Amino acid sequence: MTTRLISDLGGLPAGSIDRSEHEPTMTERRIDAMMILLRAKPRSFWVSDENRRTIESLEPTTYAESAYYERWVLAMKSLLLEKGILTEAELDEKVSEVRSRKQLAKI
């Protein structure tokens, strides 16, 4: 017997599905744009299969508690680190810089 992947919900009780359309938020648009840019030639840092693999390998709790685009961000981070395109230190530095700008904007 094979083990189900975290994303394989076929036949399992999962509640109702919200099928209503919504206007993507600015954050969702930015995440989508990043994904397009990182996968476009000549960069082509990864292909769909790699992206799917990283999403499906998220910890079950993280997967379940993350929104659709949050999973995309986690997959991007994982692949950029895995391929050596960015380091943890570089990501930490950039996140710290963005948080500082956000704090300054509140003042």
C-alpha atoms as a PDB file:
ATOM      1  CA  MET A   1       0.000   0.000   0.000  1.00  0.00           C
ATOM      2  CA  THR A   2       1.307   3.461  -0.850  1.00  0.00           C
ATOM      3  CA  THR A   3       1.257   6.416   1.485  1.00  0.00           C
ATOM      4  CA  ARG A   4      -0.803   9.418   0.466  1.00  0.00           C
ATOM      5  CA  LEU A   5       0.953  12.689  -0.186  1.00  0.00           C
ATOM      6  CA  ILE A   6      -0.173  15.604   1.966  1.00  0.00           C
ATOM      7  CA  SER A   7      -1.957  17.136  -1.030  1.00  0.00           C
ATOM      8  CA  ASP A   8      -3.877  13.946  -1.909  1.00  0.00           C
ATOM      9  CA  LEU A   9      -7.242  14.544  -0.277  1.00  0.00           C
ATOM     10  CA  GLY A  10      -9.335  12.508  -2.708  1.00  0.00           C
ATOM     11  CA  GLY A  11     -12.071  10.640  -0.845  1.00  0.00           C
ATOM     12  CA  LEU A  12     -11.221  12.124   2.545  1.00  0.00           C
ATOM     13  CA  PRO A  13     -13.638  14.291   4.507  1.00  0.00           C
ATOM     14  CA  ALA A  14     -12.390  17.842   4.138  1.00  0.00           C
ATOM     15  CA  GLY A  15     -15.446  20.040   4.484  1.00  0.00           C
ATOM     16  CA  SER A  16     -16.932  22.289   1.868  1.00  0.00           C
ATOM     17  CA  ILE A  17     -14.927  24.045  -0.803  1.00  0.00           C
ATOM     18  CA  ASP A  18     -15.291  27.786  -1.300  1.00  0.00           C
ATOM     19  CA  ARG A  19     -15.760  28.054  -5.055  1.00  0.00           C
ATOM     20  CA  SER A  20     -16.383  31.788  -5.120  1.00  0.00           C
ATOM     21  CA  GLU A  21     -14.093  33.957  -7.196  1.00  0.00           C
ATOM     22  CA  HIS A  22     -12.036  36.614  -5.497  1.00  0.00           C
ATOM     23  CA  GLU A  23      -9.818  39.414  -6.683  1.00  0.00           C
ATOM     24  CA  PRO A  24      -6.209  38.422  -5.918  1.00  0.00           C
ATOM     25  CA  THR A  25      -4.624  40.490  -3.184  1.00  0.00           C
ATOM     26  CA  MET A  26      -1.504  42.524  -3.897  1.00  0.00           C
ATOM     27  CA  THR A  27       0.499  39.946  -1.936  1.00  0.00           C
ATOM     28  CA  GLU A  28      -0.900  37.093  -4.041  1.00  0.00           C
ATOM     29  CA  ARG A  29      -0.096  39.014  -7.227  1.00  0.00           C
ATOM     30  CA  ARG A  30       3.458  39.632  -6.078  1.00  0.00           C
ATOM     31  CA  ILE A  31       3.988  35.986  -5.170  1.00  0.00           C
ATOM     32  CA  ASP A  32       2.627  34.929  -8.554  1.00  0.00           C
ATOM     33  CA  ALA A  33       4.937  37.413 -10.295  1.00  0.00           C
ATOM     34  CA  MET A  34       7.961  36.130  -8.353  1.00  0.00           C
ATOM     35  CA  MET A  35       7.125  32.574  -9.342  1.00  0.00           C
ATOM     36  CA  ILE A  36       6.789  33.545 -13.009  1.00  0.00           C
ATOM     37  CA  LEU A  37      10.090  35.447 -12.973  1.00  0.00           C
ATOM     38  CA  LEU A  38      12.013  32.715 -11.182  1.00  0.00           C
ATOM     39  CA  ARG A  39      10.743  30.019 -13.551  1.00  0.00           C
ATOM     40  CA  ALA A  40      11.064  32.011 -16.784  1.00  0.00           C
ATOM     41  CA  LYS A  41      13.958  31.572 -19.183  1.00  0.00           C
ATOM     42  CA  PRO A  42      16.834  32.313 -19.083  1.00  0.00           C
ATOM     43  CA  ARG A  43      16.710  31.817 -15.281  1.00  0.00           C
ATOM     44  CA  SER A  44      14.554  28.712 -15.069  1.00  0.00           C
ATOM     45  CA  PHE A  45      15.672  28.062 -11.514  1.00  0.00           C
ATOM     46  CA  TRP A  46      13.224  25.158 -11.280  1.00  0.00           C
ATOM     47  CA  VAL A  47      10.416  23.381 -13.070  1.00  0.00           C
ATOM     48  CA  SER A  48       6.849  22.627 -12.003  1.00  0.00           C
ATOM     49  CA  ASP A  49       7.728  19.142 -10.759  1.00  0.00           C
ATOM     50  CA  GLU A  50      10.344  20.520  -8.366  1.00  0.00           C
ATOM     51  CA  ASN A  51       7.933  23.144  -7.091  1.00  0.00           C
ATOM     52  CA  ARG A  52       5.263  20.525  -6.515  1.00  0.00           C
ATOM     53  CA  ARG A  53       7.774  18.242  -4.741  1.00  0.00           C
ATOM     54  CA  THR A  54       8.723  20.966  -2.281  1.00  0.00           C
ATOM     55  CA  ILE A  55       5.086  21.841  -1.569  1.00  0.00           C
ATOM     56  CA  GLU A  56       4.169  18.195  -1.047  1.00  0.00           C
ATOM     57  CA  SER A  57       7.146  17.681   1.273  1.00  0.00           C
ATOM     58  CA  LEU A  58       6.014  20.371   3.726  1.00  0.00           C
ATOM     59  CA  GLU A  59       5.346  19.174   7.241  1.00  0.00           C
ATOM     60  CA  PRO A  60       1.670  18.127   7.463  1.00  0.00           C
ATOM     61  CA  THR A  61       0.850  20.800  10.036  1.00  0.00           C
ATOM     62  CA  THR A  62       2.572  23.522   7.989  1.00  0.00           C
ATOM     63  CA  TYR A  63       0.779  22.373   4.849  1.00  0.00           C
ATOM     64  CA  ALA A  64      -2.610  22.278   6.563  1.00  0.00           C
ATOM     65  CA  GLU A  65      -2.212  25.671   8.248  1.00  0.00           C
ATOM     66  CA  SER A  66      -0.757  27.498   5.237  1.00  0.00           C
ATOM     67  CA  ALA A  67      -2.789  29.248   2.599  1.00  0.00           C
ATOM     68  CA  TYR A  68      -2.272  28.401  -1.065  1.00  0.00           C
ATOM     69  CA  TYR A  69       0.174  31.223  -1.773  1.00  0.00           C
ATOM     70  CA  GLU A  70       1.988  30.700   1.541  1.00  0.00           C
ATOM     71  CA  ARG A  71       2.831  27.210   0.281  1.00  0.00           C
ATOM     72  CA  TRP A  72       4.214  28.768  -2.891  1.00  0.00           C
ATOM     73  CA  VAL A  73       6.483  31.056  -0.846  1.00  0.00           C
ATOM     74  CA  LEU A  74       7.703  28.148   1.263  1.00  0.00           C
ATOM     75  CA  ALA A  75       8.402  26.165  -1.910  1.00  0.00           C
ATOM     76  CA  MET A  76      10.300  29.086  -3.455  1.00  0.00           C
ATOM     77  CA  LYS A  77      12.391  29.475  -0.328  1.00  0.00           C
ATOM     78  CA  SER A  78      13.140  25.773  -0.186  1.00  0.00           C
ATOM     79  CA  LEU A  79      14.181  25.576  -3.828  1.00  0.00           C
ATOM     80  CA  LEU A  80      16.325  28.725  -3.722  1.00  0.00           C
ATOM     81  CA  LEU A  81      18.160  27.315  -0.701  1.00  0.00           C
ATOM     82  CA  GLU A  82      18.348  23.766  -2.085  1.00  0.00           C
ATOM     83  CA  LYS A  83      19.899  24.972  -5.344  1.00  0.00           C
ATOM     84  CA  GLY A  84      22.343  27.320  -3.618  1.00  0.00           C
ATOM     85  CA  ILE A  85      20.877  30.406  -5.281  1.00  0.00           C
ATOM     86  CA  LEU A  86      20.458  32.018  -1.861  1.00  0.00           C
ATOM     87  CA  THR A  87      21.798  31.173   1.581  1.00  0.00           C
ATOM     88  CA  GLU A  88      19.935  31.180   4.892  1.00  0.00           C
ATOM     89  CA  ALA A  89      22.085  34.142   5.951  1.00  0.00           C
ATOM     90  CA  GLU A  90      21.092  36.139   2.854  1.00  0.00           C
ATOM     91  CA  LEU A  91      17.410  35.386   3.417  1.00  0.00           C
ATOM     92  CA  ASP A  92      17.630  36.264   7.119  1.00  0.00           C
ATOM     93  CA  GLU A  93      19.370  39.547   6.276  1.00  0.00           C
ATOM     94  CA  LYS A  94      16.729  40.509   3.701  1.00  0.00           C
ATOM     95  CA  VAL A  95      13.837  39.599   6.031  1.00  0.00           C
ATOM     96  CA  SER A  96      15.429  41.698   8.772  1.00  0.00           C
ATOM     97  CA  GLU A  97      15.823  44.613   6.346  1.00  0.00           C
ATOM     98  CA  VAL A  98      12.173  44.404   5.261  1.00  0.00           C
ATOM     99  CA  ARG A  99      10.971  44.204   8.870  1.00  0.00           C
ATOM    100  CA  SER A 100      13.042  47.295   9.710  1.00  0.00           C
ATOM    101  CA  ARG A 101      11.478  49.218   6.829  1.00  0.00           C
ATOM    102  CA  LYS A 102       8.042  48.120   7.960  1.00  0.00           C
ATOM    103  CA  GLN A 103       8.738  49.336  11.516  1.00  0.00           C
ATOM    104  CA  LEU A 104       9.984  52.688  10.212  1.00  0.00           C
ATOM    105  CA  ALA A 105       6.835  53.071   8.127  1.00  0.00           C
ATOM    106  CA  LYS A 106       4.706  52.714  11.279  1.00  0.00           C
ATOM    107  CA  ILE A 107       6.498  55.590  13.024  1.00  0.00           C
END
